[in-house]
Amino acid sequence: MGRARRKNRYIWTGPYEFDIESIFSGTSITVRKELETNMDQCYSTDGQFWFKHSFELEPIYEKKVFLVVEGRNIEIDKNTLSKNSTYFADLLNSDRTEFPIENVICSEMKQILRILDSEPQVPNVFRFPAILQLAENFKIPSVRLFIEFYLMLYDEMPLKEKIEMADKFGMNNLWNNFAML
């Protein structure tokens, strides 16, 4: 027997905001949309309004793209990378599925992507300078912040190197942390 597909539920939770439960393993997202003036399109149960409004959700699996680094394909979620980087938001703004990235070491690019993952992984501290340089080149400030806060919390790197990185990459929180020492 096949698995029954759930219908999308559209719940008005406040002005211009809808919560949607999709068929993709219970994924929930919020969509902002103007409230329709045609009240025949909705009904109320227990004080909540439910709207019969149709629009299509782009399936999650269609958002996967490949970065081609050193001839290797690295699969990444297009939305995740676009949200974290203005560089990649511009680059990935097309229907292509493969994007060559030049002059980058594959393992360093993978480290950046692991930091952007929903369960981030900390790279070896001695790779931080190279990763920070890539993050700066690709305009990914969240990677810099991740590494900056990691350096504030852990003493795995000599103080001199921390100071040099704070200066080179504009890590103001790390500088403020030095001032408190």
Protein backbone atom coordinates (compact mmCIF):
# COMPACT_ATOMS: atom_id res chain seq x y z
CA MET A 1 0.00 0.00 0.00
CA GLY A 2 1.29 3.43 -0.90
CA ARG A 3 1.68 6.18 1.63
CA ALA A 4 -1.17 8.68 1.63
CA ARG A 5 -0.09 12.23 0.83
CA ARG A 6 -1.21 14.95 3.18
CA LYS A 7 -2.81 18.02 1.72
CA ASN A 8 -1.14 21.32 2.42
CA ARG A 9 -2.77 23.23 5.26
CA TYR A 10 -2.96 27.01 5.08
CA ILE A 11 -3.55 28.66 8.44
CA TRP A 12 -3.88 32.39 8.91
CA THR A 13 -1.98 33.15 12.12
CA GLY A 14 -1.94 36.92 11.85
CA PRO A 15 -2.02 39.73 9.33
CA TYR A 16 -0.31 38.71 6.09
CA GLU A 17 1.27 35.55 7.49
CA PHE A 18 0.53 31.89 6.76
CA ASP A 19 2.00 28.74 8.27
CA ILE A 20 2.16 25.87 5.84
CA GLU A 21 2.62 22.23 6.68
CA SER A 22 3.89 20.54 3.55
CA ILE A 23 4.00 16.98 2.32
CA PHE A 24 7.78 16.90 2.71
CA SER A 25 8.17 15.02 5.99
CA GLY A 26 6.30 17.58 8.09
CA THR A 27 8.41 20.54 6.99
CA SER A 28 6.88 23.82 8.12
CA ILE A 29 7.51 27.18 6.50
CA THR A 30 6.00 30.62 6.85
CA VAL A 31 4.78 32.52 3.81
CA ARG A 32 3.85 36.18 3.94
CA LYS A 33 0.96 37.04 1.62
CA GLU A 34 -1.70 39.68 1.57
CA LEU A 35 -4.98 38.58 3.11
CA GLU A 36 -7.49 37.87 0.38
CA THR A 37 -10.54 40.09 0.39
CA ASN A 38 -12.80 37.33 -0.90
CA MET A 39 -14.02 35.79 2.36
CA ASP A 40 -15.85 33.06 0.39
CA GLN A 41 -12.40 31.52 -0.01
CA CYS A 42 -12.05 30.82 3.71
CA TYR A 43 -13.84 29.33 6.66
CA SER A 44 -13.32 29.44 10.39
CA THR A 45 -12.92 26.70 12.97
CA ASP A 46 -12.34 27.50 16.62
CA GLY A 47 -11.56 31.13 15.87
CA GLN A 48 -8.85 30.36 13.30
CA PHE A 49 -9.25 31.12 9.63
CA TRP A 50 -8.38 28.47 7.08
CA PHE A 51 -7.86 29.60 3.50
CA LYS A 52 -8.31 27.65 0.31
CA HIS A 53 -5.49 29.32 -1.54
CA SER A 54 -3.47 27.48 -4.13
CA PHE A 55 0.16 28.04 -4.88
CA GLU A 56 2.91 25.56 -5.51
CA LEU A 57 5.80 24.88 -3.20
CA GLU A 58 9.06 24.19 -4.97
CA PRO A 59 10.06 20.68 -3.91
CA ILE A 60 13.09 20.57 -1.64
CA TYR A 61 14.97 18.14 -3.87
CA GLU A 62 14.83 20.60 -6.79
CA LYS A 63 16.89 23.12 -4.85
CA LYS A 64 20.05 21.00 -4.92
CA VAL A 65 22.93 22.24 -7.01
CA PHE A 66 26.52 21.22 -7.47
CA LEU A 67 29.56 23.39 -7.00
CA VAL A 68 32.37 22.06 -9.18
CA VAL A 69 35.62 22.56 -7.26
CA GLU A 70 38.88 21.05 -8.51
CA GLY A 71 36.84 18.89 -10.89
CA ARG A 72 34.73 17.42 -8.06
CA ASN A 73 31.00 17.92 -7.59
CA ILE A 74 29.92 19.13 -4.16
CA GLU A 75 26.17 18.95 -3.60
CA ILE A 76 24.66 21.88 -1.71
CA ASP A 77 21.21 23.27 -0.98
CA LYS A 78 20.83 26.33 -3.20
CA ASN A 79 18.72 28.22 -0.66
CA THR A 80 21.12 27.66 2.24
CA LEU A 81 24.09 28.93 0.29
CA SER A 82 22.15 31.86 -1.19
CA LYS A 83 20.87 32.98 2.21
CA ASN A 84 24.37 33.03 3.68
CA SER A 85 26.25 34.67 0.81
CA THR A 86 25.46 37.58 -1.47
CA TYR A 87 28.11 36.25 -3.86
CA PHE A 88 26.37 32.87 -4.15
CA ALA A 89 22.92 34.46 -4.21
CA ASP A 90 23.94 36.23 -7.43
CA LEU A 91 25.80 33.23 -8.85
CA LEU A 92 23.05 30.68 -8.16
CA ASN A 93 20.26 32.88 -9.51
CA SER A 94 19.67 30.66 -12.54
CA ASP A 95 18.25 27.30 -13.51
CA ARG A 96 21.68 25.69 -13.92
CA THR A 97 22.63 22.83 -11.61
CA GLU A 98 26.43 22.99 -11.87
CA PHE A 99 28.53 26.01 -10.97
CA PRO A 100 32.31 25.89 -11.43
CA ILE A 101 34.31 27.54 -8.63
CA GLU A 102 37.86 28.42 -9.67
CA ASN A 103 41.05 28.83 -7.61
CA VAL A 104 39.62 27.11 -4.52
CA ILE A 105 40.81 24.01 -2.69
CA CYS A 106 37.99 21.46 -2.52
CA SER A 107 38.59 20.50 1.13
CA GLU A 108 38.42 24.16 2.22
CA MET A 109 35.17 24.70 0.34
CA LYS A 110 33.73 21.60 2.00
CA GLN A 111 34.75 23.01 5.40
CA ILE A 112 32.84 26.21 4.70
CA LEU A 113 29.78 24.20 3.69
CA ARG A 114 30.06 22.09 6.87
CA ILE A 115 29.98 25.28 8.93
CA LEU A 116 26.80 26.37 7.11
CA ASP A 117 25.14 23.00 7.76
CA SER A 118 22.25 22.79 10.24
CA GLU A 119 24.66 20.86 12.49
CA PRO A 120 27.90 22.80 11.95
CA GLN A 121 31.26 21.07 12.18
CA VAL A 122 34.32 22.91 13.44
CA PRO A 123 37.34 22.63 11.14
CA ASN A 124 40.88 22.25 12.43
CA VAL A 125 41.89 25.61 13.95
CA PHE A 126 45.02 25.78 11.80
CA ARG A 127 42.78 25.89 8.71
CA PHE A 128 40.87 28.90 10.06
CA PRO A 129 42.92 31.56 8.19
CA ALA A 130 42.37 29.91 4.79
CA ILE A 131 38.68 29.31 5.51
CA LEU A 132 38.22 32.90 6.69
CA GLN A 133 39.87 34.17 3.50
CA LEU A 134 37.48 32.08 1.38
CA ALA A 135 34.52 33.26 3.45
CA GLU A 136 35.61 36.85 2.85
CA ASN A 137 36.07 36.24 -0.89
CA PHE A 138 32.64 34.62 -1.19
CA LYS A 139 30.95 37.15 1.13
CA ILE A 140 29.84 34.65 3.79
CA PRO A 141 29.83 36.61 7.09
CA SER A 142 28.21 33.77 9.04
CA VAL A 143 31.39 31.69 8.65
CA ARG A 144 33.48 34.52 10.09
CA LEU A 145 31.08 34.88 13.03
CA PHE A 146 31.10 31.13 13.66
CA ILE A 147 34.90 31.01 13.78
CA GLU A 148 35.09 34.24 15.78
CA PHE A 149 32.84 32.92 18.54
CA TYR A 150 34.63 29.58 18.51
CA LEU A 151 37.94 31.36 19.09
CA MET A 152 36.40 33.33 21.95
CA LEU A 153 35.27 30.15 23.68
CA TYR A 154 38.21 27.82 23.14
CA ASP A 155 41.98 28.18 23.62
CA GLU A 156 43.13 25.82 20.86
CA MET A 157 45.07 28.55 19.07
CA PRO A 158 47.94 30.72 20.35
CA LEU A 159 46.87 34.23 21.39
CA LYS A 160 49.20 35.87 18.85
CA GLU A 161 47.49 34.06 15.96
CA LYS A 162 44.05 34.97 17.31
CA ILE A 163 45.06 38.64 17.43
CA GLU A 164 46.39 38.52 13.86
CA MET A 165 43.16 36.93 12.60
CA ALA A 166 40.99 39.38 14.55
CA ASP A 167 42.89 42.25 12.92
CA LYS A 168 42.95 40.82 9.39
CA PHE A 169 39.29 39.72 9.25
CA GLY A 170 37.66 42.46 11.35
CA MET A 171 36.58 40.25 14.25
CA ASN A 172 35.35 42.98 16.60
CA ASN A 173 33.83 40.59 19.15
CA LEU A 174 37.16 38.81 19.44
CA TRP A 175 38.93 42.17 19.88
CA ASN A 176 36.50 43.10 22.65
CA ASN A 177 37.21 39.73 24.26
CA PHE A 178 40.95 40.54 24.28
CA ALA A 179 40.22 43.85 26.00
CA MET A 180 38.57 41.97 28.87
CA LEU A 181 41.65 39.76 29.43
